[in-house]
Structures are given as C-alpha cells and as structure tokens.
C-alpha cells in the first residue's frame, strides 16, 4: 500500500519480492562499504541500493512490479553524508551520545525524507523507540525503505506513509514525540514546508532532530531563522564531524546535529 503499512512482517511480501531480495544479496553486501568505514562491524546494515551511487540498480523488482530508479529523479535513492554521520553516532556507546538523542528512546518517532531507510535502522536498533514511522514524498523511495527494513529484521514496529511537505498530514498530525530528518534542507525552497510539516506532526513539547550538511549557507540560515515562527527553540547544536569515533575537525563542509524543542502554544 503506497499510503503506508506495516513492513516488519516478511510474510506480507509476495514470493517474487523475497526472491528478488535473495538474488541481490551478494551485491547488497558489497554496498555496505561506505558505512562500515564509519561504524565498523558493530553496526552492520543492509540496503537494496549501493550507498555511494544513485544507480547501483537500474530496476528494482518488488511484488512483480518494476520501480525505475533514475539518478536525476530520486535523490532519496542515495545515502547522504549527514545521515551516515548520524547512523555512526547512534552506533556508538550511548554514554557518548550528545544530549537530545536520548529523547528517541521509548518514544513515538517519525522520520521525514526517509529515502533508503538506513537512518531508521540505526534509530530502531540503538534507540528502541516505541514505534517508528518512515515517510517520504516518493512512493518509490518508500518501497526501497521497506526492503531495507525487511533485510535488517528490526526489533521495533515500523510503518511507512507518503508525506508531501507543506501538504495536509492527515492521521499523522500530532502523533510523534520526536521527528528526525537528515540531509533534508539542501535547497532553500524546501525549508518552509519542512518546518510546517514537522510542526503539524509533532505533539506539543516534542523534539525535532535534524542532521544537516551545510551545502548552501542560505538554506542553513533559513533553517535556523524559521524555527521560531513555528514555536521551535534550538536547544542543542553540535558538530557532527567532531562527534565521530575518529573526529574530523575543520572539515570544509560543516555537518551539524540540531535539536529543536517545540514550545507550548500560548493561551
């Protein structure tokens, strides 16, 4: 169901999908290299697409359907740097986590712009939220995320739903304790709709966690400036490069971990 559904139960998938997953396995294992460099053997994960290429597979067969994966059309079909850094951080000992990440433990967590779903794997394994919802504007991306979830056999109930930023969020409104997103504010025109959607989905006094690569300073500036318009307060700001097990200080492209708190509406 492109509008969402539980994907933890492998039995829900057609035999053709499982066969396709089995056929990919040798290639898929080779696609783990990028994250292994960051997190080592403590955090093995699998994805149906190569992490460092948009076009590892031209076609993905699921439920006897063919989903075309095009480099230009599916930004979500690649694992981007800020998401990789967040995964690596979560895979470390919890005692080393910066303040804010612990809010995902035992909470209702929703991810915006899930793409391949690999951030979900890290959150589910290391934070153990009560429930988790993956969302993306592209149904095709959610199909990839669903395969990722099956391959990783997560310990948490995960559902998926199509969410287009700036549009009505329907039954997802006011359902999440924590919203998490990575590499989503890469373009100036995305920022306002991102804030509107996060505000619509979060409960009062919820938390918005953003892993952000500062590709365009104007987008970063707008991301920080528009927070207050939606009753968000920045409570933690970290250098994601510096938080890694092997810190890379002074990187040419800053990577930020931003933790926002949603303030109560004034009466």
Protein backbone atom coordinates (compact mmCIF):
# COMPACT_ATOMS: atom_id res chain seq x y z
CA UNK A 1 0.00 0.00 0.00
CA UNK A 2 1.69 3.20 -1.15
CA UNK A 3 -0.10 5.19 1.54
CA UNK A 4 1.54 3.16 4.30
CA UNK A 5 1.54 -0.18 6.03
CA UNK A 6 3.42 -2.42 8.41
CA UNK A 7 6.55 -3.82 6.79
CA UNK A 8 8.10 -5.80 9.64
CA UNK A 9 6.23 -8.98 8.75
CA UNK A 10 8.08 -10.61 5.88
CA UNK A 11 5.08 -12.86 5.26
CA UNK A 12 3.19 -9.86 3.88
CA UNK A 13 5.53 -9.72 0.89
CA UNK A 14 4.92 -11.61 -2.32
CA UNK A 15 7.31 -14.52 -3.04
CA UNK A 16 8.66 -12.62 -6.02
CA UNK A 17 9.85 -9.83 -3.76
CA UNK A 18 11.67 -12.22 -1.43
CA UNK A 19 13.29 -13.97 -4.38
CA UNK A 20 14.46 -10.63 -5.68
CA UNK A 21 15.96 -9.79 -2.29
CA UNK A 22 17.80 -13.13 -2.26
CA UNK A 23 19.19 -12.53 -5.75
CA UNK A 24 20.55 -9.12 -4.71
CA UNK A 25 22.28 -10.28 -1.54
CA UNK A 26 25.79 -10.71 -2.93
CA UNK A 27 25.69 -7.23 -4.44
CA UNK A 28 23.97 -5.73 -1.43
CA UNK A 29 26.67 -6.94 0.96
CA UNK A 30 29.25 -5.18 -1.17
CA UNK A 31 27.25 -1.97 -0.81
CA UNK A 32 27.95 -1.74 2.93
CA UNK A 33 31.47 -0.34 2.49
CA UNK A 34 30.68 3.35 3.00
CA UNK A 35 29.01 2.88 6.37
CA UNK A 36 31.50 0.24 7.50
CA UNK A 37 34.20 2.91 7.23
CA UNK A 38 32.29 4.94 9.80
CA UNK A 39 30.77 2.42 12.15
CA UNK A 40 32.74 -0.81 11.72
CA UNK A 41 31.34 -4.23 12.48
CA UNK A 42 29.19 -3.13 15.43
CA UNK A 43 26.56 -1.72 13.09
CA UNK A 44 26.15 -3.92 10.02
CA UNK A 45 23.20 -2.91 7.89
CA UNK A 46 21.83 -3.77 4.51
CA UNK A 47 20.18 -1.75 1.78
CA UNK A 48 18.82 -2.67 -1.65
CA UNK A 49 20.89 0.10 -3.22
CA UNK A 50 24.61 0.82 -3.20
CA UNK A 51 25.26 3.54 -0.62
CA UNK A 52 27.62 5.56 -2.75
CA UNK A 53 25.76 5.51 -6.07
CA UNK A 54 22.34 6.57 -7.28
CA UNK A 55 22.33 3.90 -9.94
CA UNK A 56 23.55 0.69 -8.29
CA UNK A 57 20.43 -0.96 -9.68
CA UNK A 58 18.58 0.40 -12.69
CA UNK A 59 15.46 -1.54 -11.78
CA UNK A 60 14.11 -2.87 -8.52
CA UNK A 61 11.58 -5.73 -8.68
CA UNK A 62 9.05 -5.72 -5.84
CA UNK A 63 5.70 -7.54 -5.83
CA UNK A 64 6.10 -8.26 -9.55
CA UNK A 65 6.26 -4.53 -10.24
CA UNK A 66 9.24 -2.67 -11.66
CA UNK A 67 10.24 0.55 -9.96
CA UNK A 68 12.53 2.64 -12.11
CA UNK A 69 15.33 4.29 -10.17
CA UNK A 70 16.67 7.31 -12.01
CA UNK A 71 19.64 9.35 -10.86
CA UNK A 72 18.01 12.70 -11.61
CA UNK A 73 14.60 11.87 -10.15
CA UNK A 74 15.34 10.09 -6.88
CA UNK A 75 17.61 11.97 -4.51
CA UNK A 76 16.33 9.63 -1.82
CA UNK A 77 17.93 6.63 -3.54
CA UNK A 78 21.33 7.54 -2.11
CA UNK A 79 22.62 7.61 1.44
CA UNK A 80 23.86 11.15 2.08
CA UNK A 81 26.67 12.26 4.37
CA UNK A 82 24.74 13.74 7.32
CA UNK A 83 22.59 10.62 7.54
CA UNK A 84 25.69 8.42 7.54
CA UNK A 85 27.25 10.50 10.32
CA UNK A 86 24.05 10.28 12.39
CA UNK A 87 23.98 6.47 11.94
CA UNK A 88 27.61 6.24 13.03
CA UNK A 89 26.95 8.39 16.09
CA UNK A 90 23.97 6.30 17.19
CA UNK A 91 26.03 3.11 16.82
CA UNK A 92 28.49 4.30 19.45
CA UNK A 93 28.12 3.70 23.18
CA UNK A 94 25.05 5.55 24.41
CA UNK A 95 27.20 7.23 27.07
CA UNK A 96 28.94 9.14 24.27
CA UNK A 97 25.73 10.49 22.72
CA UNK A 98 25.20 14.25 22.88
CA UNK A 99 22.15 15.49 24.78
CA UNK A 100 18.91 15.22 22.80
CA UNK A 101 19.33 11.85 21.11
CA UNK A 102 18.10 10.02 24.21
CA UNK A 103 14.65 11.53 23.58
CA UNK A 104 14.07 8.91 20.88
CA UNK A 105 14.23 6.04 23.40
CA UNK A 106 10.79 4.60 24.05
CA UNK A 107 9.11 7.40 22.10
CA UNK A 108 6.93 7.61 19.01
CA UNK A 109 9.43 8.57 16.30
CA UNK A 110 8.67 9.71 12.75
CA UNK A 111 11.30 10.29 10.08
CA UNK A 112 10.84 12.86 7.33
CA UNK A 113 12.53 12.23 3.98
CA UNK A 114 13.46 8.66 4.86
CA UNK A 115 14.98 7.75 1.49
CA UNK A 116 16.59 4.31 1.78
CA UNK A 117 15.52 3.94 5.41
CA UNK A 118 19.02 3.44 6.82
CA UNK A 119 18.64 6.14 9.49
CA UNK A 120 15.55 4.23 10.64
CA UNK A 121 17.70 1.12 11.07
CA UNK A 122 20.11 3.00 13.35
CA UNK A 123 17.31 4.58 15.38
CA UNK A 124 15.40 1.32 15.75
CA UNK A 125 18.43 -0.69 16.82
CA UNK A 126 20.07 1.76 19.15
CA UNK A 127 17.25 3.96 20.48
CA UNK A 128 14.48 1.35 20.63
CA UNK A 129 11.56 3.75 20.11
CA UNK A 130 8.07 2.52 20.97
CA UNK A 131 7.01 2.92 17.33
CA UNK A 132 8.54 4.37 14.19
CA UNK A 133 7.03 5.77 11.00
CA UNK A 134 9.06 6.31 7.84
CA UNK A 135 7.80 8.97 5.44
CA UNK A 136 8.83 10.24 2.04
CA UNK A 137 7.16 12.15 -0.77
CA UNK A 138 8.20 9.45 -3.25
CA UNK A 139 6.31 6.13 -3.03
CA UNK A 140 9.22 4.53 -4.88
CA UNK A 141 11.61 5.58 -2.11
CA UNK A 142 9.32 4.03 0.47
CA UNK A 143 9.45 0.76 -1.44
CA UNK A 144 13.23 0.83 -1.10
CA UNK A 145 12.93 1.65 2.61
CA UNK A 146 10.55 -1.28 3.11
CA UNK A 147 13.13 -3.66 1.64
CA UNK A 148 15.79 -2.16 3.92
CA UNK A 149 13.57 -2.81 6.93
CA UNK A 150 13.00 -6.43 5.91
CA UNK A 151 16.71 -7.05 5.33
CA UNK A 152 17.64 -5.69 8.75
CA UNK A 153 14.98 -7.51 10.81
CA UNK A 154 14.35 -4.58 13.15
CA UNK A 155 13.19 -5.04 16.75
CA UNK A 156 10.66 -2.19 16.50
CA UNK A 157 7.31 -1.90 14.75
CA UNK A 158 7.89 0.25 11.65
CA UNK A 159 5.23 1.59 9.29
CA UNK A 160 5.54 3.74 6.19
CA UNK A 161 3.47 6.61 4.82
CA UNK A 162 3.67 9.05 1.93
CA UNK A 163 4.06 12.60 3.25
CA UNK A 164 4.50 15.60 0.97
CA UNK A 165 5.91 18.54 2.90
CA UNK A 166 3.60 21.51 3.15
CA UNK A 167 0.50 19.38 2.48
CA UNK A 168 -2.01 18.01 4.98
CA UNK A 169 -0.55 15.29 7.20
CA UNK A 170 -3.95 13.72 7.94
CA UNK A 171 -3.88 10.92 10.53
CA UNK A 172 -0.20 11.59 11.27
CA UNK A 173 -0.96 15.02 12.75
CA UNK A 174 0.15 15.39 16.37
CA UNK A 175 1.24 11.74 16.60
CA UNK A 176 5.02 11.93 17.10
CA UNK A 177 7.06 12.63 20.22
CA UNK A 178 10.17 13.00 18.07
CA UNK A 179 10.63 13.86 14.39
CA UNK A 180 14.03 13.07 12.89
CA UNK A 181 15.40 14.11 9.49
CA UNK A 182 18.79 14.07 7.77
CA UNK A 183 20.07 15.93 4.72
CA UNK A 184 16.65 17.41 4.02
CA UNK A 185 17.34 21.17 3.92
CA UNK A 186 19.65 21.08 0.92
CA UNK A 187 17.57 23.60 -1.04
CA UNK A 188 16.25 26.99 0.05
CA UNK A 189 12.70 26.36 -1.19
CA UNK A 190 12.32 23.19 0.91
CA UNK A 191 12.86 24.78 4.31
CA UNK A 192 9.50 26.47 4.95
CA UNK A 193 7.49 23.37 4.01
CA UNK A 194 9.80 21.24 6.15
CA UNK A 195 9.03 23.37 9.20
CA UNK A 196 5.28 23.37 8.52
CA UNK A 197 5.24 19.60 8.25
CA UNK A 198 7.35 18.99 11.35
CA UNK A 199 5.10 21.35 13.32
CA UNK A 200 1.96 19.56 12.12
CA UNK A 201 3.24 16.09 13.05
CA UNK A 202 4.86 16.76 16.42
CA UNK A 203 2.97 16.73 19.68
CA UNK A 204 3.23 19.73 22.00
CA UNK A 205 6.70 19.96 23.52
CA UNK A 206 8.02 17.39 21.07
CA UNK A 207 11.57 17.22 19.68
CA UNK A 208 12.82 17.77 16.13
CA UNK A 209 16.28 16.28 15.46
CA UNK A 210 18.00 17.35 12.24
CA UNK A 211 21.31 16.06 10.85
CA UNK A 212 22.30 18.74 8.36
CA UNK A 213 25.16 19.18 5.91
CA UNK A 214 25.80 22.85 5.25
CA UNK A 215 25.88 22.64 1.44
CA UNK A 216 24.20 26.01 0.93
CA UNK A 217 24.67 28.61 3.70
CA UNK A 218 21.44 30.36 2.70
CA UNK A 219 19.43 27.17 3.37
CA UNK A 220 21.15 26.68 6.72
CA UNK A 221 20.44 30.28 7.68
CA UNK A 222 16.75 29.93 6.77
CA UNK A 223 16.52 26.61 8.61
CA UNK A 224 17.68 28.29 11.82
CA UNK A 225 15.77 31.54 11.35
CA UNK A 226 12.37 30.00 10.64
CA UNK A 227 12.37 27.80 13.73
CA UNK A 228 10.83 30.45 15.96
CA UNK A 229 7.98 31.07 13.50
CA UNK A 230 6.73 27.55 14.24
CA UNK A 231 7.39 27.66 18.00
CA UNK A 232 10.66 25.72 17.85
CA UNK A 233 13.62 26.57 20.05
CA UNK A 234 17.13 25.36 19.22
CA UNK A 235 18.34 23.69 22.42
CA UNK A 236 21.44 21.83 21.17
CA UNK A 237 23.81 22.39 18.27
CA UNK A 238 26.74 20.06 17.62
CA UNK A 239 29.49 19.49 15.06
CA UNK A 240 28.70 16.03 13.65
CA UNK A 241 32.23 15.57 12.33
CA UNK A 242 33.69 16.20 15.80
CA UNK A 243 31.33 13.67 17.41
CA UNK A 244 32.61 10.73 15.37
CA UNK A 245 34.78 7.97 16.81
CA UNK A 246 37.56 9.28 14.59
CA UNK A 247 36.82 13.05 14.66
CA UNK A 248 37.44 15.12 11.54
CA UNK A 249 37.88 18.69 12.71
CA UNK A 250 37.82 21.68 10.40
CA UNK A 251 36.01 19.89 7.59
CA UNK A 252 35.39 22.08 4.55
CA UNK A 253 31.65 21.37 4.62
CA UNK A 254 30.21 21.65 8.15
CA UNK A 255 27.89 18.89 9.33
CA UNK A 256 25.51 19.88 12.12
CA UNK A 257 23.33 17.99 14.56
CA UNK A 258 20.47 20.31 15.54
CA UNK A 259 17.99 19.52 18.31
CA UNK A 260 14.85 21.69 18.49
CA UNK A 261 12.18 21.74 21.20
CA UNK A 262 8.56 22.52 20.26
CA UNK A 263 7.21 25.07 22.70
CA UNK A 264 3.66 25.09 24.04
CA UNK A 265 1.17 27.36 22.31
CA UNK A 266 0.44 30.49 24.31
CA UNK A 267 -3.10 30.61 25.66
